[in-house]
Amino acid sequence: MNAERTNRPQLAAVVAVSMLLLSGFAGTGVALSPVDTHETAAEPLRTLNGTRSQTLTVETNAAVGLMLRNDALDDRLATLAQREQLASGTSANQTTVLTDELRTIRKETNQLTTREAKTLERHALHNVTTEELLYELARIDASAQQLEHRHTAAVTRLDDLSATGVDTWKLRADLMTLQGPVRAQVADVAVGAANESVVSVEASAQSLTLETRAGTDTIVERYDAGYLDATADEPATIEGVTDLIATTYPTEWENRTGYTIRRIDADLLYVEFEYTDGTIVAYIDRPTARIFKEFHYGLRSSEFSSDNESIFTISLSTVPATITDIRL
C-alpha cells in the first residue's frame, strides 16, 4: 500500500506535465513535421536508381524535440501505471500484468516496424523530405529504446516466459534492429542535448545508410531489407559466422583486436569486433546468412564519395548468399 500511495502522486504529476506540454504544443500551431535542418551547398538532393541521397545539417528543432519528449512522457506514464498495478496485486495478478505488458510491447514494436517501412517507402516516392525521414527515424529509435527498457524490466520479473505467449527473444531482436547510433544522435540534437551535426543520408524503399561524425570518429549505420526475399542453402551459425565477417570486412577483420558473437534469437546473430581504427557491429539474419544491418565507429573516410558509390554498399555486395562451411 505504501508503494501505491507513493506512485499515485508521481503518476498524477506526470499526467499534469504531459497535459501541459500537449496543450502548449497544440497552441503553437506547429505542424507535425516542420524541420529547421538545411541542405549543405556542396551536397544537393540526388536521385540515383530509386535511391535518394542528401547531406543535411541537423540542428535543435523545437517541434521535433517536443514530440520526442512527449513520446518519452507517454512511455513514463505506461511504466508508472504498470508499477501501480504490480504494487497493488497478488503474485498471480502480477504475472497477468507483466504478460499484458509484453503483449503491449510486441504490438507497439510491430507498429514501429511498420512506421519505419512506410516512411522509407514514402521517402522513396518523394512524399516526405529527407529531413522528415531523419526525424521520424530518430523518434522510432527513441521509442524502441524505451520499449527495450520496459521489455527487460518485465522479463526479469517473470519466472515462466513461455506462459506469456510472446517470443521475448524475438521481441528484443526486433527492438534492437529499430535502433542505431546515427538516428540516436539526431534525436539528441533535436532536443538540444547535442550540438548540430552534419548527416549524410542515402535511402531507398528497402535500404538506408546514415553517416555522421562525433569528434574525430565517423559513425555509419546501414540497413538492407533485401534479406527478407533472400534464400540460403543452410543457415548461418556461430561456428561459421567468422568466415562471413572475414569476407565482408577483410581489412578490418585482419586487424581485429577482439570480437564478440552472440545469438540474440533463433533468427538473429550479433557480431561486434574492434580493429585498429574502430569498431564494427553486424546483425546477421540466420536463415539467409545475410548481414542486414551494420554500424561502423572509428577513423574512416566518408562512405559517400563524389560519385555516390559507397564503400559500405560495396562491402555488403560481396557477402555470399550462402555459407557452406558451417555446422548445424
C-alpha atoms as a PDB file:
ATOM      1  CA  MET A   1       0.000   0.000   0.000  1.00  0.00           C
ATOM      2  CA  ASN A   2       2.839   2.404   0.762  1.00  0.00           C
ATOM      3  CA  ALA A   3       4.267   1.833  -2.719  1.00  0.00           C
ATOM      4  CA  GLU A   4       0.835   2.502  -4.204  1.00  0.00           C
ATOM      5  CA  ARG A   5       0.436   5.780  -2.269  1.00  0.00           C
ATOM      6  CA  THR A   6       3.920   6.803  -3.403  1.00  0.00           C
ATOM      7  CA  ASN A   7       3.290   6.037  -7.070  1.00  0.00           C
ATOM      8  CA  ARG A   8      -0.102   7.759  -7.364  1.00  0.00           C
ATOM      9  CA  PRO A   9       1.259  11.301  -6.833  1.00  0.00           C
ATOM     10  CA  GLN A  10       4.086  10.534  -9.276  1.00  0.00           C
ATOM     11  CA  LEU A  11       1.610   9.374 -11.890  1.00  0.00           C
ATOM     12  CA  ALA A  12      -0.622  12.389 -11.328  1.00  0.00           C
ATOM     13  CA  ALA A  13       2.343  14.727 -11.631  1.00  0.00           C
ATOM     14  CA  VAL A  14       3.486  13.159 -14.882  1.00  0.00           C
ATOM     15  CA  VAL A  15      -0.075  13.353 -16.272  1.00  0.00           C
ATOM     16  CA  ALA A  16      -0.211  17.035 -15.377  1.00  0.00           C
ATOM     17  CA  VAL A  17       3.130  17.745 -17.036  1.00  0.00           C
ATOM     18  CA  SER A  18       2.105  15.769 -20.118  1.00  0.00           C
ATOM     19  CA  MET A  19      -1.171  17.681 -20.436  1.00  0.00           C
ATOM     20  CA  LEU A  20       0.653  20.980 -20.007  1.00  0.00           C
ATOM     21  CA  LEU A  21       3.169  20.123 -22.712  1.00  0.00           C
ATOM     22  CA  LEU A  22       0.483  18.885 -25.068  1.00  0.00           C
ATOM     23  CA  SER A  23      -1.665  21.970 -24.555  1.00  0.00           C
ATOM     24  CA  GLY A  24       1.358  24.162 -25.212  1.00  0.00           C
ATOM     25  CA  PHE A  25       2.240  22.149 -28.295  1.00  0.00           C
ATOM     26  CA  ALA A  26      -1.298  22.403 -29.634  1.00  0.00           C
ATOM     27  CA  GLY A  27      -1.291  26.138 -29.033  1.00  0.00           C
ATOM     28  CA  THR A  28       1.793  26.708 -31.095  1.00  0.00           C
ATOM     29  CA  GLY A  29       0.044  25.737 -34.292  1.00  0.00           C
ATOM     30  CA  VAL A  30       3.174  23.834 -35.317  1.00  0.00           C
ATOM     31  CA  ALA A  31       2.709  21.159 -37.961  1.00  0.00           C
ATOM     32  CA  LEU A  32       3.669  17.587 -37.165  1.00  0.00           C
ATOM     33  CA  SER A  33       6.928  17.563 -39.044  1.00  0.00           C
ATOM     34  CA  PRO A  34       8.362  21.039 -39.594  1.00  0.00           C
ATOM     35  CA  VAL A  35      12.106  20.879 -39.957  1.00  0.00           C
ATOM     36  CA  ASP A  36      14.747  23.519 -39.406  1.00  0.00           C
ATOM     37  CA  THR A  37      17.555  21.478 -40.953  1.00  0.00           C
ATOM     38  CA  HIS A  38      19.117  22.821 -44.103  1.00  0.00           C
ATOM     39  CA  GLU A  39      20.874  21.231 -47.016  1.00  0.00           C
ATOM     40  CA  THR A  40      24.568  21.967 -47.370  1.00  0.00           C
ATOM     41  CA  ALA A  41      25.527  23.774 -50.552  1.00  0.00           C
ATOM     42  CA  ALA A  42      28.018  21.097 -51.572  1.00  0.00           C
ATOM     43  CA  GLU A  43      25.508  18.255 -51.483  1.00  0.00           C
ATOM     44  CA  PRO A  44      22.275  18.877 -53.450  1.00  0.00           C
ATOM     45  CA  LEU A  45      19.494  16.321 -53.383  1.00  0.00           C
ATOM     46  CA  ARG A  46      20.137  13.485 -55.835  1.00  0.00           C
ATOM     47  CA  THR A  47      18.030  10.570 -57.006  1.00  0.00           C
ATOM     48  CA  LEU A  48      20.004   7.628 -58.388  1.00  0.00           C
ATOM     49  CA  ASN A  49      18.303   4.382 -59.407  1.00  0.00           C
ATOM     50  CA  GLY A  50      15.480   4.858 -56.921  1.00  0.00           C
ATOM     51  CA  THR A  51      17.866   5.979 -54.179  1.00  0.00           C
ATOM     52  CA  ARG A  52      17.705   9.477 -52.713  1.00  0.00           C
ATOM     53  CA  SER A  53      20.941  10.905 -51.347  1.00  0.00           C
ATOM     54  CA  GLN A  54      21.373  14.133 -49.397  1.00  0.00           C
ATOM     55  CA  THR A  55      23.646  15.692 -46.783  1.00  0.00           C
ATOM     56  CA  LEU A  56      21.968  17.825 -44.126  1.00  0.00           C
ATOM     57  CA  THR A  57      22.955  19.918 -41.154  1.00  0.00           C
ATOM     58  CA  VAL A  58      20.719  18.829 -38.287  1.00  0.00           C
ATOM     59  CA  GLU A  59      20.026  21.437 -35.608  1.00  0.00           C
ATOM     60  CA  THR A  60      17.914  21.767 -32.477  1.00  0.00           C
ATOM     61  CA  ASN A  61      14.270  21.551 -33.536  1.00  0.00           C
ATOM     62  CA  ALA A  62      11.602  22.726 -31.081  1.00  0.00           C
ATOM     63  CA  ALA A  63       8.700  20.873 -32.677  1.00  0.00           C
ATOM     64  CA  VAL A  64      10.517  17.563 -33.080  1.00  0.00           C
ATOM     65  CA  GLY A  65      12.010  17.957 -29.601  1.00  0.00           C
ATOM     66  CA  LEU A  66       8.507  18.346 -28.158  1.00  0.00           C
ATOM     67  CA  MET A  67       7.351  15.204 -29.949  1.00  0.00           C
ATOM     68  CA  LEU A  68      10.340  13.259 -28.631  1.00  0.00           C
ATOM     69  CA  ARG A  69       9.694  14.480 -25.093  1.00  0.00           C
ATOM     70  CA  ASN A  70       6.017  13.650 -25.398  1.00  0.00           C
ATOM     71  CA  ASP A  71       6.875  10.135 -26.605  1.00  0.00           C
ATOM     72  CA  ALA A  72       9.098   9.770 -23.530  1.00  0.00           C
ATOM     73  CA  LEU A  73       6.306  11.009 -21.251  1.00  0.00           C
ATOM     74  CA  ASP A  74       3.872   8.512 -22.757  1.00  0.00           C
ATOM     75  CA  ASP A  75       6.360   5.764 -22.019  1.00  0.00           C
ATOM     76  CA  ARG A  76       6.854   7.051 -18.468  1.00  0.00           C
ATOM     77  CA  LEU A  77       3.090   7.058 -17.909  1.00  0.00           C
ATOM     78  CA  ALA A  78       2.847   3.448 -19.069  1.00  0.00           C
ATOM     79  CA  THR A  79       5.722   2.453 -16.765  1.00  0.00           C
ATOM     80  CA  LEU A  80       4.205   4.159 -13.701  1.00  0.00           C
ATOM     81  CA  ALA A  81       0.777   2.678 -14.401  1.00  0.00           C
ATOM     82  CA  GLN A  82       2.313  -0.783 -14.576  1.00  0.00           C
ATOM     83  CA  ARG A  83       4.158  -0.237 -11.287  1.00  0.00           C
ATOM     84  CA  GLU A  84       0.879   0.722  -9.633  1.00  0.00           C
ATOM     85  CA  GLN A  85      -0.727  -2.475 -10.825  1.00  0.00           C
ATOM     86  CA  LEU A  86       2.228  -4.573  -9.673  1.00  0.00           C
ATOM     87  CA  ALA A  87       2.318  -2.924  -6.245  1.00  0.00           C
ATOM     88  CA  SER A  88      -1.372  -3.488  -5.591  1.00  0.00           C
ATOM     89  CA  GLY A  89      -1.753  -7.029  -6.931  1.00  0.00           C
ATOM     90  CA  THR A  90      -1.060 -10.605  -5.893  1.00  0.00           C
ATOM     91  CA  SER A  91       1.601 -12.788  -7.482  1.00  0.00           C
ATOM     92  CA  ALA A  92      -0.964 -14.196  -9.911  1.00  0.00           C
ATOM     93  CA  ASN A  93      -2.104 -10.712 -10.816  1.00  0.00           C
ATOM     94  CA  GLN A  94       1.499  -9.621 -11.304  1.00  0.00           C
ATOM     95  CA  THR A  95       2.014 -12.391 -13.848  1.00  0.00           C
ATOM     96  CA  THR A  96      -1.060 -11.189 -15.717  1.00  0.00           C
ATOM     97  CA  VAL A  97       0.141  -7.576 -15.612  1.00  0.00           C
ATOM     98  CA  LEU A  98       3.598  -8.493 -16.923  1.00  0.00           C
ATOM     99  CA  THR A  99       2.117 -10.724 -19.629  1.00  0.00           C
ATOM    100  CA  ASP A 100      -0.112  -7.866 -20.763  1.00  0.00           C
ATOM    101  CA  GLU A 101       2.919  -5.572 -20.729  1.00  0.00           C
ATOM    102  CA  LEU A 102       4.929  -7.865 -23.011  1.00  0.00           C
ATOM    103  CA  ARG A 103       1.996  -8.224 -25.394  1.00  0.00           C
ATOM    104  CA  THR A 104       1.631  -4.443 -25.482  1.00  0.00           C
ATOM    105  CA  ILE A 105       5.346  -4.064 -26.212  1.00  0.00           C
ATOM    106  CA  ARG A 106       5.028  -6.643 -29.010  1.00  0.00           C
ATOM    107  CA  LYS A 107       2.137  -4.701 -30.533  1.00  0.00           C
ATOM    108  CA  GLU A 108       3.936  -1.354 -30.284  1.00  0.00           C
ATOM    109  CA  THR A 109       7.113  -2.871 -31.746  1.00  0.00           C
ATOM    110  CA  ASN A 110       5.139  -4.113 -34.743  1.00  0.00           C
ATOM    111  CA  GLN A 111       3.743  -0.609 -35.163  1.00  0.00           C
ATOM    112  CA  LEU A 112       7.247   0.898 -35.095  1.00  0.00           C
ATOM    113  CA  THR A 113       8.455  -1.603 -37.697  1.00  0.00           C
ATOM    114  CA  THR A 114       5.534  -0.682 -39.943  1.00  0.00           C
ATOM    115  CA  ARG A 115       6.183   3.033 -39.407  1.00  0.00           C
ATOM    116  CA  GLU A 116       9.810   2.658 -40.458  1.00  0.00           C
ATOM    117  CA  ALA A 117       8.947   0.668 -43.583  1.00  0.00           C
ATOM    118  CA  LYS A 118       6.199   3.086 -44.607  1.00  0.00           C
ATOM    119  CA  THR A 119       8.407   6.123 -44.001  1.00  0.00           C
ATOM    120  CA  LEU A 120      11.160   4.696 -46.216  1.00  0.00           C
ATOM    121  CA  GLU A 121       8.592   3.901 -48.891  1.00  0.00           C
ATOM    122  CA  ARG A 122       7.061   7.394 -48.729  1.00  0.00           C
ATOM    123  CA  HIS A 123      10.536   8.929 -48.890  1.00  0.00           C
ATOM    124  CA  ALA A 124      11.355   6.878 -51.988  1.00  0.00           C
ATOM    125  CA  LEU A 125       8.141   8.192 -53.574  1.00  0.00           C
ATOM    126  CA  HIS A 126       9.082  11.781 -52.634  1.00  0.00           C
ATOM    127  CA  ASN A 127       6.084  12.064 -50.308  1.00  0.00           C
ATOM    128  CA  VAL A 128       8.291  13.056 -47.368  1.00  0.00           C
ATOM    129  CA  THR A 129      11.517  15.030 -47.311  1.00  0.00           C
ATOM    130  CA  THR A 130      14.856  13.626 -46.238  1.00  0.00           C
ATOM    131  CA  GLU A 131      14.692  15.858 -43.153  1.00  0.00           C
ATOM    132  CA  GLU A 132      11.328  14.390 -42.196  1.00  0.00           C
ATOM    133  CA  LEU A 133      12.708  10.885 -42.751  1.00  0.00           C
ATOM    134  CA  LEU A 134      15.615  11.586 -40.392  1.00  0.00           C
ATOM    135  CA  TYR A 135      13.431  12.894 -37.595  1.00  0.00           C
ATOM    136  CA  GLU A 136      10.931  10.073 -37.932  1.00  0.00           C
ATOM    137  CA  LEU A 137      13.791   7.565 -37.662  1.00  0.00           C
ATOM    138  CA  ALA A 138      15.029   9.418 -34.571  1.00  0.00           C
ATOM    139  CA  ARG A 139      11.594   9.124 -32.951  1.00  0.00           C
ATOM    140  CA  ILE A 140      11.396   5.423 -33.821  1.00  0.00           C
ATOM    141  CA  ASP A 141      14.852   4.896 -32.304  1.00  0.00           C
ATOM    142  CA  ALA A 142      13.886   6.655 -29.062  1.00  0.00           C
ATOM    143  CA  SER A 143      10.625   4.710 -28.789  1.00  0.00           C
ATOM    144  CA  ALA A 144      12.421   1.412 -29.440  1.00  0.00           C
ATOM    145  CA  GLN A 145      14.941   2.210 -26.687  1.00  0.00           C
ATOM    146  CA  GLN A 146      12.116   2.889 -24.243  1.00  0.00           C
ATOM    147  CA  LEU A 147      10.305  -0.304 -25.198  1.00  0.00           C
ATOM    148  CA  GLU A 148      13.513  -2.311 -24.803  1.00  0.00           C
ATOM    149  CA  HIS A 149      13.916  -0.993 -21.248  1.00  0.00           C
ATOM    150  CA  ARG A 150      10.326  -1.988 -20.449  1.00  0.00           C
ATOM    151  CA  HIS A 151      10.890  -5.382 -22.067  1.00  0.00           C
ATOM    152  CA  THR A 152      13.953  -6.005 -19.893  1.00  0.00           C
ATOM    153  CA  ALA A 153      12.104  -4.954 -16.726  1.00  0.00           C
ATOM    154  CA  ALA A 154       9.189  -7.290 -17.478  1.00  0.00           C
ATOM    155  CA  VAL A 155      11.317 -10.280 -18.464  1.00  0.00           C
ATOM    156  CA  THR A 156      13.463 -10.104 -15.323  1.00  0.00           C
ATOM    157  CA  ARG A 157      10.351 -10.338 -13.107  1.00  0.00           C
ATOM    158  CA  LEU A 158       8.739 -13.313 -14.840  1.00  0.00           C
ATOM    159  CA  ASP A 159       9.598 -16.889 -13.889  1.00  0.00           C
ATOM    160  CA  ASP A 160       7.831 -18.575 -16.819  1.00  0.00           C
ATOM    161  CA  LEU A 161       8.258 -16.629 -20.049  1.00  0.00           C
ATOM    162  CA  SER A 162       6.526 -19.304 -22.127  1.00  0.00           C
ATOM    163  CA  ALA A 163       3.229 -18.531 -20.388  1.00  0.00           C
ATOM    164  CA  THR A 164       3.143 -15.057 -21.936  1.00  0.00           C
ATOM    165  CA  GLY A 165       2.660 -16.299 -25.483  1.00  0.00           C
ATOM    166  CA  VAL A 166       5.326 -13.807 -26.583  1.00  0.00           C
ATOM    167  CA  ASP A 167       8.670 -14.797 -28.079  1.00  0.00           C
ATOM    168  CA  THR A 168      10.685 -12.481 -25.835  1.00  0.00           C
ATOM    169  CA  TRP A 169      13.971 -13.190 -27.614  1.00  0.00           C
ATOM    170  CA  LYS A 170      12.474 -12.313 -30.995  1.00  0.00           C
ATOM    171  CA  LEU A 171      10.885  -9.215 -29.472  1.00  0.00           C
ATOM    172  CA  ARG A 172      14.231  -7.995 -28.162  1.00  0.00           C
ATOM    173  CA  ALA A 173      15.859  -8.685 -31.524  1.00  0.00           C
ATOM    174  CA  ASP A 174      13.201  -6.650 -33.336  1.00  0.00           C
ATOM    175  CA  LEU A 175      13.673  -3.740 -30.926  1.00  0.00           C
ATOM    176  CA  MET A 176      17.441  -3.824 -31.422  1.00  0.00           C
ATOM    177  CA  THR A 177      17.090  -3.609 -35.204  1.00  0.00           C
ATOM    178  CA  LEU A 178      14.963  -0.451 -34.879  1.00  0.00           C
ATOM    179  CA  GLN A 179      17.803   1.409 -33.178  1.00  0.00           C
ATOM    180  CA  GLY A 180      21.014   2.954 -34.449  1.00  0.00           C
ATOM    181  CA  PRO A 181      23.753   5.355 -33.338  1.00  0.00           C
ATOM    182  CA  VAL A 182      23.184   7.991 -36.024  1.00  0.00           C
ATOM    183  CA  ARG A 183      19.444   8.256 -35.505  1.00  0.00           C
ATOM    184  CA  ALA A 184      20.054   8.400 -31.737  1.00  0.00           C
ATOM    185  CA  GLN A 185      22.419  11.333 -32.277  1.00  0.00           C
ATOM    186  CA  VAL A 186      19.787  13.086 -34.400  1.00  0.00           C
ATOM    187  CA  ALA A 187      17.337  12.717 -31.505  1.00  0.00           C
ATOM    188  CA  ASP A 188      19.876  14.212 -29.087  1.00  0.00           C
ATOM    189  CA  VAL A 189      20.446  17.163 -31.410  1.00  0.00           C
ATOM    190  CA  ALA A 190      16.715  17.746 -31.862  1.00  0.00           C
ATOM    191  CA  VAL A 191      16.118  18.107 -28.112  1.00  0.00           C
ATOM    192  CA  GLY A 192      19.232  20.241 -27.613  1.00  0.00           C
ATOM    193  CA  ALA A 193      21.262  17.566 -25.829  1.00  0.00           C
ATOM    194  CA  ALA A 194      23.992  17.603 -28.508  1.00  0.00           C
ATOM    195  CA  ASN A 195      25.491  20.120 -30.906  1.00  0.00           C
ATOM    196  CA  GLU A 196      24.374  20.355 -34.520  1.00  0.00           C
ATOM    197  CA  SER A 197      25.534  17.517 -36.750  1.00  0.00           C
ATOM    198  CA  VAL A 198      26.065  17.019 -40.454  1.00  0.00           C
ATOM    199  CA  VAL A 199      24.281  13.824 -41.500  1.00  0.00           C
ATOM    200  CA  SER A 200      24.518  12.116 -44.887  1.00  0.00           C
ATOM    201  CA  VAL A 201      21.511  10.063 -45.927  1.00  0.00           C
ATOM    202  CA  GLU A 202      21.194   7.509 -48.706  1.00  0.00           C
ATOM    203  CA  ALA A 203      17.820   5.794 -48.780  1.00  0.00           C
ATOM    204  CA  SER A 204      15.542   3.727 -50.971  1.00  0.00           C
ATOM    205  CA  ALA A 205      12.325   1.887 -50.170  1.00  0.00           C
ATOM    206  CA  GLN A 206      14.330  -1.082 -48.848  1.00  0.00           C
ATOM    207  CA  SER A 207      17.689   0.288 -47.774  1.00  0.00           C
ATOM    208  CA  LEU A 208      19.121   3.027 -45.624  1.00  0.00           C
ATOM    209  CA  THR A 209      22.596   4.394 -44.960  1.00  0.00           C
ATOM    210  CA  LEU A 210      23.193   7.172 -42.424  1.00  0.00           C
ATOM    211  CA  GLU A 211      26.545   8.771 -41.664  1.00  0.00           C
ATOM    212  CA  THR A 212      27.673  11.451 -39.232  1.00  0.00           C
ATOM    213  CA  ARG A 213      30.711  12.402 -37.188  1.00  0.00           C
ATOM    214  CA  ALA A 214      31.317  12.516 -33.454  1.00  0.00           C
ATOM    215  CA  GLY A 215      34.598  14.292 -32.770  1.00  0.00           C
ATOM    216  CA  THR A 216      37.220  12.594 -34.922  1.00  0.00           C
ATOM    217  CA  ASP A 217      35.129   9.453 -35.398  1.00  0.00           C
ATOM    218  CA  THR A 218      32.855   8.677 -38.320  1.00  0.00           C
ATOM    219  CA  ILE A 219      29.647   6.855 -37.380  1.00  0.00           C
ATOM    220  CA  VAL A 220      27.765   4.903 -40.032  1.00  0.00           C
ATOM    221  CA  GLU A 221      24.659   2.773 -39.833  1.00  0.00           C
ATOM    222  CA  ARG A 222      23.116   0.810 -42.654  1.00  0.00           C
ATOM    223  CA  TYR A 223      20.001  -1.307 -43.081  1.00  0.00           C
ATOM    224  CA  ASP A 224      19.161  -3.509 -46.080  1.00  0.00           C
ATOM    225  CA  ALA A 225      15.758  -5.209 -46.278  1.00  0.00           C
ATOM    226  CA  GLY A 226      16.841  -7.351 -49.230  1.00  0.00           C
ATOM    227  CA  TYR A 227      17.424 -10.275 -46.874  1.00  0.00           C
ATOM    228  CA  LEU A 228      13.646 -10.627 -46.469  1.00  0.00           C
ATOM    229  CA  ASP A 229      13.399 -12.036 -50.008  1.00  0.00           C
ATOM    230  CA  ALA A 230      16.702 -13.929 -49.961  1.00  0.00           C
ATOM    231  CA  THR A 231      17.242 -17.661 -49.580  1.00  0.00           C
ATOM    232  CA  ALA A 232      20.179 -19.786 -48.455  1.00  0.00           C
ATOM    233  CA  ASP A 233      21.051 -23.463 -48.643  1.00  0.00           C
ATOM    234  CA  GLU A 234      21.934 -23.505 -44.960  1.00  0.00           C
ATOM    235  CA  PRO A 235      21.514 -21.047 -42.089  1.00  0.00           C
ATOM    236  CA  ALA A 236      24.401 -19.186 -40.534  1.00  0.00           C
ATOM    237  CA  THR A 237      25.788 -20.434 -37.232  1.00  0.00           C
ATOM    238  CA  ILE A 238      28.069 -19.015 -34.594  1.00  0.00           C
ATOM    239  CA  GLU A 239      30.720 -21.507 -35.708  1.00  0.00           C
ATOM    240  CA  GLY A 240      30.663 -20.365 -39.339  1.00  0.00           C
ATOM    241  CA  VAL A 241      29.887 -16.685 -38.978  1.00  0.00           C
ATOM    242  CA  THR A 242      33.535 -15.615 -38.736  1.00  0.00           C
ATOM    243  CA  ASP A 243      34.021 -16.617 -42.389  1.00  0.00           C
ATOM    244  CA  LEU A 244      31.162 -14.327 -43.383  1.00  0.00           C
ATOM    245  CA  ILE A 245      32.604 -11.452 -41.365  1.00  0.00           C
ATOM    246  CA  ALA A 246      36.107 -12.025 -42.753  1.00  0.00           C
ATOM    247  CA  THR A 247      34.753 -11.986 -46.321  1.00  0.00           C
ATOM    248  CA  THR A 248      32.698  -8.837 -45.784  1.00  0.00           C
ATOM    249  CA  TYR A 249      35.302  -6.803 -43.882  1.00  0.00           C
ATOM    250  CA  PRO A 250      38.661  -8.374 -44.853  1.00  0.00           C
ATOM    251  CA  THR A 251      40.945  -5.485 -43.850  1.00  0.00           C
ATOM    252  CA  GLU A 252      39.165  -4.695 -40.597  1.00  0.00           C
ATOM    253  CA  TRP A 253      38.899  -8.365 -39.618  1.00  0.00           C
ATOM    254  CA  GLU A 254      42.582  -8.959 -40.325  1.00  0.00           C
ATOM    255  CA  ASN A 255      43.408  -6.092 -37.951  1.00  0.00           C
ATOM    256  CA  ARG A 256      40.891  -7.080 -35.274  1.00  0.00           C
ATOM    257  CA  THR A 257      41.861  -6.748 -31.627  1.00  0.00           C
ATOM    258  CA  GLY A 258      38.883  -8.611 -30.166  1.00  0.00           C
ATOM    259  CA  TYR A 259      35.377  -9.752 -31.049  1.00  0.00           C
ATOM    260  CA  THR A 260      32.057 -10.939 -29.614  1.00  0.00           C
ATOM    261  CA  ILE A 261      29.480 -13.173 -31.311  1.00  0.00           C
ATOM    262  CA  ARG A 262      26.065 -13.648 -29.729  1.00  0.00           C
ATOM    263  CA  ARG A 263      22.912 -15.450 -30.754  1.00  0.00           C
ATOM    264  CA  ILE A 264      20.140 -12.956 -29.943  1.00  0.00           C
ATOM    265  CA  ASP A 265      17.278 -15.220 -31.004  1.00  0.00           C
ATOM    266  CA  ALA A 266      16.644 -18.140 -33.348  1.00  0.00           C
ATOM    267  CA  ASP A 267      16.988 -15.935 -36.419  1.00  0.00           C
ATOM    268  CA  LEU A 268      19.482 -13.261 -35.358  1.00  0.00           C
ATOM    269  CA  LEU A 269      23.232 -13.356 -34.781  1.00  0.00           C
ATOM    270  CA  TYR A 270      25.068 -10.323 -33.418  1.00  0.00           C
ATOM    271  CA  VAL A 271      28.751  -9.709 -34.103  1.00  0.00           C
ATOM    272  CA  GLU A 272      30.823  -6.896 -32.645  1.00  0.00           C
ATOM    273  CA  PHE A 273      34.538  -6.595 -33.224  1.00  0.00           C
ATOM    274  CA  GLU A 274      37.195  -3.987 -32.645  1.00  0.00           C
ATOM    275  CA  TYR A 275      40.004  -3.328 -35.069  1.00  0.00           C
ATOM    276  CA  THR A 276      42.927  -0.913 -35.152  1.00  0.00           C
ATOM    277  CA  ASP A 277      40.916   2.178 -36.107  1.00  0.00           C
ATOM    278  CA  GLY A 278      37.406   1.452 -34.895  1.00  0.00           C
ATOM    279  CA  THR A 279      34.525  -0.914 -34.204  1.00  0.00           C
ATOM    280  CA  ILE A 280      32.032  -2.747 -36.422  1.00  0.00           C
ATOM    281  CA  VAL A 281      28.695  -4.176 -35.309  1.00  0.00           C
ATOM    282  CA  ALA A 282      26.889  -6.541 -37.689  1.00  0.00           C
ATOM    283  CA  TYR A 283      23.418  -8.077 -37.443  1.00  0.00           C
ATOM    284  CA  ILE A 284      23.104 -11.330 -39.376  1.00  0.00           C
ATOM    285  CA  ASP A 285      19.834 -12.922 -40.440  1.00  0.00           C
ATOM    286  CA  ARG A 286      20.492 -16.549 -39.622  1.00  0.00           C
ATOM    287  CA  PRO A 287      18.118 -18.249 -42.136  1.00  0.00           C
ATOM    288  CA  THR A 288      19.559 -16.338 -45.115  1.00  0.00           C
ATOM    289  CA  ALA A 289      23.125 -15.904 -43.812  1.00  0.00           C
ATOM    290  CA  ARG A 290      22.928 -12.230 -44.771  1.00  0.00           C
ATOM    291  CA  ILE A 291      24.181  -9.131 -42.956  1.00  0.00           C
ATOM    292  CA  PHE A 292      21.150  -6.856 -42.958  1.00  0.00           C
ATOM    293  CA  LYS A 293      22.189  -4.151 -40.520  1.00  0.00           C
ATOM    294  CA  GLU A 294      25.586  -2.812 -39.501  1.00  0.00           C
ATOM    295  CA  PHE A 295      27.211   0.025 -37.603  1.00  0.00           C
ATOM    296  CA  HIS A 296      30.727   1.431 -38.050  1.00  0.00           C
ATOM    297  CA  TYR A 297      32.505   3.598 -35.491  1.00  0.00           C
ATOM    298  CA  GLY A 298      36.008   4.944 -35.944  1.00  0.00           C
ATOM    299  CA  LEU A 299      38.526   6.764 -38.085  1.00  0.00           C
ATOM    300  CA  ARG A 300      37.076   6.078 -41.513  1.00  0.00           C
ATOM    301  CA  SER A 301      36.842   8.058 -44.728  1.00  0.00           C
ATOM    302  CA  SER A 302      33.343   9.095 -45.719  1.00  0.00           C
ATOM    303  CA  GLU A 303      31.101   6.354 -47.064  1.00  0.00           C
ATOM    304  CA  PHE A 304      29.693   8.899 -49.529  1.00  0.00           C
ATOM    305  CA  SER A 305      32.187   9.539 -52.320  1.00  0.00           C
ATOM    306  CA  SER A 306      31.739  12.092 -55.077  1.00  0.00           C
ATOM    307  CA  ASP A 307      30.153   9.589 -57.439  1.00  0.00           C
ATOM    308  CA  ASN A 308      27.818   8.389 -54.678  1.00  0.00           C
ATOM    309  CA  GLU A 309      29.352   4.905 -54.706  1.00  0.00           C
ATOM    310  CA  SER A 310      29.682   3.785 -51.122  1.00  0.00           C
ATOM    311  CA  ILE A 311      32.372   1.567 -49.626  1.00  0.00           C
ATOM    312  CA  PHE A 312      29.587   0.379 -47.352  1.00  0.00           C
ATOM    313  CA  THR A 313      27.468  -0.748 -50.299  1.00  0.00           C
ATOM    314  CA  ILE A 314      30.420  -2.460 -51.976  1.00  0.00           C
ATOM    315  CA  SER A 315      31.270  -4.392 -48.815  1.00  0.00           C
ATOM    316  CA  LEU A 316      27.716  -5.661 -48.495  1.00  0.00           C
ATOM    317  CA  SER A 317      27.552  -6.739 -52.124  1.00  0.00           C
ATOM    318  CA  THR A 318      30.446  -9.128 -51.509  1.00  0.00           C
ATOM    319  CA  VAL A 319      28.531 -11.111 -48.881  1.00  0.00           C
ATOM    320  CA  PRO A 320      27.930 -14.630 -50.209  1.00  0.00           C
ATOM    321  CA  ALA A 321      24.312 -15.701 -50.500  1.00  0.00           C
ATOM    322  CA  THR A 322      25.075 -18.907 -48.618  1.00  0.00           C
ATOM    323  CA  ILE A 323      27.596 -20.261 -46.181  1.00  0.00           C
ATOM    324  CA  THR A 324      28.713 -23.787 -46.953  1.00  0.00           C
ATOM    325  CA  ASP A 325      31.362 -24.444 -44.316  1.00  0.00           C
ATOM    326  CA  ILE A 326      29.092 -24.384 -41.272  1.00  0.00           C
ATOM    327  CA  ARG A 327      27.829 -26.899 -38.791  1.00  0.00           C
ATOM    328  CA  LEU A 328      24.185 -27.052 -37.724  1.00  0.00           C
END
